[in-house]
Amino acid sequence: MRKLLGKNQRPCVLSHRDSLSVRVSAKGTITWQYRCRVGGKQVIISLGRYPGLSIQRSARLHTSFSKLDKPRQRPTPRT
């Protein structure tokens, strides 16, 4: 990703894993994004900019958000 940082280029979105991706702007700004569905509609949440937000930290944030994203199931009663 360091090669993309700060270079003038065409904007694009690159997938990292699952619903985690990076958006590269025309000026070379790299922004981490998390994609999820809320109420049946797709939502894109910006997590932060690279290199301020590292790959490891964005992966931890992705894990935290994905736990919140899953529908909650009712606990089954024990008999």
N, C-alpha and C. Protein backbone atom coordinates (compact mmCIF):
# COMPACT_ATOMS: atom_id res chain seq x y z
N MET A 1 0.80 -1.18 0.00
CA MET A 1 0.00 0.00 0.00
C MET A 1 0.86 1.26 0.00
N ARG A 2 2.05 1.16 0.47
CA ARG A 2 2.91 2.34 0.48
C ARG A 2 3.15 2.87 -0.93
N LYS A 3 3.13 1.97 -1.93
CA LYS A 3 3.34 2.40 -3.31
C LYS A 3 2.17 3.26 -3.80
N LEU A 4 0.98 3.06 -3.25
CA LEU A 4 -0.20 3.82 -3.66
C LEU A 4 -0.30 5.17 -2.96
N LEU A 5 0.34 5.30 -1.82
CA LEU A 5 0.20 6.48 -0.97
C LEU A 5 0.76 7.73 -1.64
N GLY A 6 -0.07 8.76 -1.76
CA GLY A 6 0.36 10.05 -2.25
C GLY A 6 0.55 10.19 -3.74
N LYS A 7 0.23 9.18 -4.53
CA LYS A 7 0.39 9.27 -5.98
C LYS A 7 -0.92 9.67 -6.62
N ASN A 8 -0.84 10.55 -7.62
CA ASN A 8 -2.03 10.91 -8.38
C ASN A 8 -2.40 9.74 -9.29
N GLN A 9 -3.64 9.31 -9.19
CA GLN A 9 -4.10 8.14 -9.94
C GLN A 9 -5.61 8.14 -10.01
N ARG A 10 -6.17 7.11 -10.63
CA ARG A 10 -7.62 6.98 -10.69
C ARG A 10 -8.12 6.43 -9.36
N PRO A 11 -9.24 6.96 -8.87
CA PRO A 11 -9.80 6.44 -7.62
C PRO A 11 -10.22 4.98 -7.79
N CYS A 12 -10.03 4.18 -6.73
CA CYS A 12 -10.43 2.77 -6.79
C CYS A 12 -10.69 2.26 -5.38
N VAL A 13 -11.33 1.10 -5.31
CA VAL A 13 -11.58 0.41 -4.05
C VAL A 13 -10.95 -0.97 -4.16
N LEU A 14 -10.10 -1.31 -3.19
CA LEU A 14 -9.41 -2.59 -3.18
C LEU A 14 -9.88 -3.40 -1.98
N SER A 15 -10.28 -4.63 -2.22
CA SER A 15 -10.75 -5.49 -1.16
C SER A 15 -9.57 -6.06 -0.39
N HIS A 16 -9.68 -6.07 0.94
CA HIS A 16 -8.62 -6.66 1.76
C HIS A 16 -9.03 -8.05 2.23
N ARG A 17 -10.16 -8.14 2.93
CA ARG A 17 -10.71 -9.43 3.34
C ARG A 17 -12.14 -9.22 3.80
N ASP A 18 -12.96 -10.22 3.65
CA ASP A 18 -14.36 -10.18 4.03
C ASP A 18 -14.99 -8.86 3.60
N SER A 19 -15.42 -8.05 4.53
CA SER A 19 -16.07 -6.78 4.21
C SER A 19 -15.17 -5.59 4.51
N LEU A 20 -13.88 -5.83 4.58
CA LEU A 20 -12.89 -4.78 4.84
C LEU A 20 -12.21 -4.43 3.52
N SER A 21 -12.13 -3.14 3.22
CA SER A 21 -11.50 -2.71 1.97
C SER A 21 -10.81 -1.37 2.19
N VAL A 22 -10.04 -0.95 1.19
CA VAL A 22 -9.42 0.37 1.20
C VAL A 22 -9.89 1.13 -0.03
N ARG A 23 -10.14 2.43 0.18
CA ARG A 23 -10.50 3.30 -0.93
C ARG A 23 -9.31 4.21 -1.17
N VAL A 24 -8.86 4.24 -2.43
CA VAL A 24 -7.74 5.08 -2.81
C VAL A 24 -8.29 6.25 -3.60
N SER A 25 -8.07 7.48 -3.13
CA SER A 25 -8.59 8.67 -3.81
C SER A 25 -7.68 9.04 -4.98
N ALA A 26 -8.11 10.01 -5.77
CA ALA A 26 -7.34 10.47 -6.92
C ALA A 26 -6.00 11.08 -6.49
N LYS A 27 -5.94 11.63 -5.28
CA LYS A 27 -4.69 12.22 -4.77
C LYS A 27 -3.83 11.22 -4.02
N GLY A 28 -4.29 9.96 -3.92
CA GLY A 28 -3.50 8.93 -3.27
C GLY A 28 -3.77 8.76 -1.79
N THR A 29 -4.86 9.32 -1.28
CA THR A 29 -5.23 9.12 0.11
C THR A 29 -5.87 7.74 0.25
N ILE A 30 -5.39 6.96 1.21
CA ILE A 30 -5.89 5.60 1.41
C ILE A 30 -6.74 5.57 2.68
N THR A 31 -8.01 5.15 2.54
CA THR A 31 -8.95 5.11 3.65
C THR A 31 -9.49 3.70 3.83
N TRP A 32 -9.40 3.17 5.06
CA TRP A 32 -9.97 1.87 5.37
C TRP A 32 -11.49 1.99 5.49
N GLN A 33 -12.22 1.01 4.92
CA GLN A 33 -13.67 1.02 4.96
C GLN A 33 -14.20 -0.34 5.38
N TYR A 34 -15.32 -0.31 6.11
CA TYR A 34 -16.03 -1.53 6.50
C TYR A 34 -17.42 -1.47 5.87
N ARG A 35 -17.80 -2.51 5.15
CA ARG A 35 -19.11 -2.57 4.50
C ARG A 35 -20.00 -3.54 5.24
N CYS A 36 -21.24 -3.11 5.51
CA CYS A 36 -22.20 -3.97 6.19
C CYS A 36 -23.61 -3.59 5.76
N ARG A 37 -24.58 -4.34 6.23
CA ARG A 37 -25.98 -4.04 5.94
C ARG A 37 -26.68 -3.65 7.23
N VAL A 38 -27.45 -2.58 7.16
CA VAL A 38 -28.24 -2.12 8.30
C VAL A 38 -29.65 -1.92 7.78
N GLY A 39 -30.57 -2.70 8.31
CA GLY A 39 -31.95 -2.59 7.86
C GLY A 39 -32.12 -2.95 6.40
N GLY A 40 -31.29 -3.86 5.89
CA GLY A 40 -31.38 -4.29 4.51
C GLY A 40 -30.67 -3.38 3.52
N LYS A 41 -30.07 -2.29 3.98
CA LYS A 41 -29.36 -1.37 3.09
C LYS A 41 -27.87 -1.43 3.37
N GLN A 42 -27.07 -1.35 2.30
CA GLN A 42 -25.63 -1.39 2.46
C GLN A 42 -25.13 -0.06 3.03
N VAL A 43 -24.25 -0.18 4.02
CA VAL A 43 -23.65 0.98 4.68
C VAL A 43 -22.14 0.83 4.60
N ILE A 44 -21.45 1.93 4.32
CA ILE A 44 -19.99 1.93 4.28
C ILE A 44 -19.51 2.83 5.42
N ILE A 45 -18.72 2.26 6.31
CA ILE A 45 -18.19 2.99 7.47
C ILE A 45 -16.69 3.21 7.25
N SER A 46 -16.26 4.46 7.29
CA SER A 46 -14.83 4.77 7.18
C SER A 46 -14.19 4.56 8.55
N LEU A 47 -13.16 3.74 8.59
CA LEU A 47 -12.49 3.42 9.85
C LEU A 47 -11.33 4.37 10.14
N GLY A 48 -10.67 4.85 9.11
CA GLY A 48 -9.53 5.75 9.29
C GLY A 48 -8.63 5.70 8.08
N ARG A 49 -7.60 6.56 8.10
CA ARG A 49 -6.68 6.64 6.96
C ARG A 49 -5.39 5.91 7.24
N TYR A 50 -4.85 5.31 6.18
CA TYR A 50 -3.55 4.67 6.22
C TYR A 50 -2.51 5.75 5.96
N PRO A 51 -1.40 5.82 6.61
CA PRO A 51 -0.78 4.89 7.53
C PRO A 51 -1.13 5.14 8.99
N GLY A 52 -1.95 6.14 9.28
CA GLY A 52 -2.36 6.41 10.67
C GLY A 52 -3.06 5.22 11.29
N LEU A 53 -3.85 4.51 10.50
CA LEU A 53 -4.53 3.30 10.94
C LEU A 53 -3.85 2.12 10.23
N SER A 54 -3.14 1.31 10.97
CA SER A 54 -2.36 0.21 10.39
C SER A 54 -3.27 -0.93 9.93
N ILE A 55 -2.70 -1.86 9.20
CA ILE A 55 -3.44 -3.03 8.74
C ILE A 55 -3.91 -3.85 9.93
N GLN A 56 -3.06 -4.04 10.93
CA GLN A 56 -3.42 -4.83 12.11
C GLN A 56 -4.57 -4.17 12.88
N ARG A 57 -4.49 -2.87 13.08
CA ARG A 57 -5.54 -2.16 13.82
C ARG A 57 -6.86 -2.18 13.06
N SER A 58 -6.81 -2.04 11.73
CA SER A 58 -8.04 -2.08 10.94
C SER A 58 -8.66 -3.47 10.98
N ALA A 59 -7.84 -4.51 11.03
CA ALA A 59 -8.36 -5.88 11.14
C ALA A 59 -9.05 -6.08 12.49
N ARG A 60 -8.48 -5.51 13.57
CA ARG A 60 -9.13 -5.61 14.89
C ARG A 60 -10.46 -4.86 14.90
N LEU A 61 -10.49 -3.67 14.30
CA LEU A 61 -11.75 -2.92 14.21
C LEU A 61 -12.78 -3.69 13.38
N HIS A 62 -12.33 -4.32 12.31
CA HIS A 62 -13.22 -5.13 11.47
C HIS A 62 -13.86 -6.24 12.28
N THR A 63 -13.06 -6.92 13.10
CA THR A 63 -13.57 -8.00 13.95
C THR A 63 -14.60 -7.46 14.94
N SER A 64 -14.32 -6.32 15.54
CA SER A 64 -15.27 -5.71 16.49
C SER A 64 -16.58 -5.34 15.80
N PHE A 65 -16.50 -4.72 14.63
CA PHE A 65 -17.71 -4.33 13.91
C PHE A 65 -18.48 -5.55 13.42
N SER A 66 -17.79 -6.58 12.98
CA SER A 66 -18.50 -7.76 12.47
C SER A 66 -19.25 -8.49 13.58
N LYS A 67 -18.74 -8.42 14.81
CA LYS A 67 -19.47 -9.01 15.94
C LYS A 67 -20.76 -8.24 16.20
N LEU A 68 -20.72 -6.92 16.04
CA LEU A 68 -21.92 -6.11 16.24
C LEU A 68 -22.92 -6.29 15.09
N ASP A 69 -22.40 -6.62 13.91
CA ASP A 69 -23.21 -6.73 12.71
C ASP A 69 -24.08 -7.99 12.68
N LYS A 70 -23.65 -9.04 13.36
CA LYS A 70 -24.38 -10.31 13.32
C LYS A 70 -25.69 -10.19 14.08
N PRO A 71 -26.77 -10.78 13.52
CA PRO A 71 -28.05 -10.74 14.24
C PRO A 71 -27.95 -11.54 15.53
N ARG A 72 -28.56 -11.02 16.56
CA ARG A 72 -28.52 -11.70 17.86
C ARG A 72 -29.57 -12.79 17.89
N GLN A 73 -29.20 -13.91 18.42
CA GLN A 73 -30.12 -15.03 18.54
C GLN A 73 -30.57 -15.14 19.98
N ARG A 74 -31.79 -15.56 20.14
CA ARG A 74 -32.30 -15.77 21.51
C ARG A 74 -31.62 -17.00 22.09
N PRO A 75 -31.24 -16.92 23.34
CA PRO A 75 -30.64 -18.11 23.96
C PRO A 75 -31.68 -19.20 24.11
N THR A 76 -31.27 -20.43 23.89
CA THR A 76 -32.19 -21.54 24.05
C THR A 76 -32.27 -21.91 25.53
N PRO A 77 -33.47 -22.14 26.02
CA PRO A 77 -33.61 -22.49 27.45
C PRO A 77 -33.01 -23.86 27.73
N ARG A 78 -32.37 -23.98 28.86
CA ARG A 78 -31.79 -25.26 29.26
C ARG A 78 -32.84 -26.08 29.98
N THR A 79 -32.86 -27.34 29.68
CA THR A 79 -33.84 -28.21 30.33
C THR A 79 -33.20 -29.15 31.31
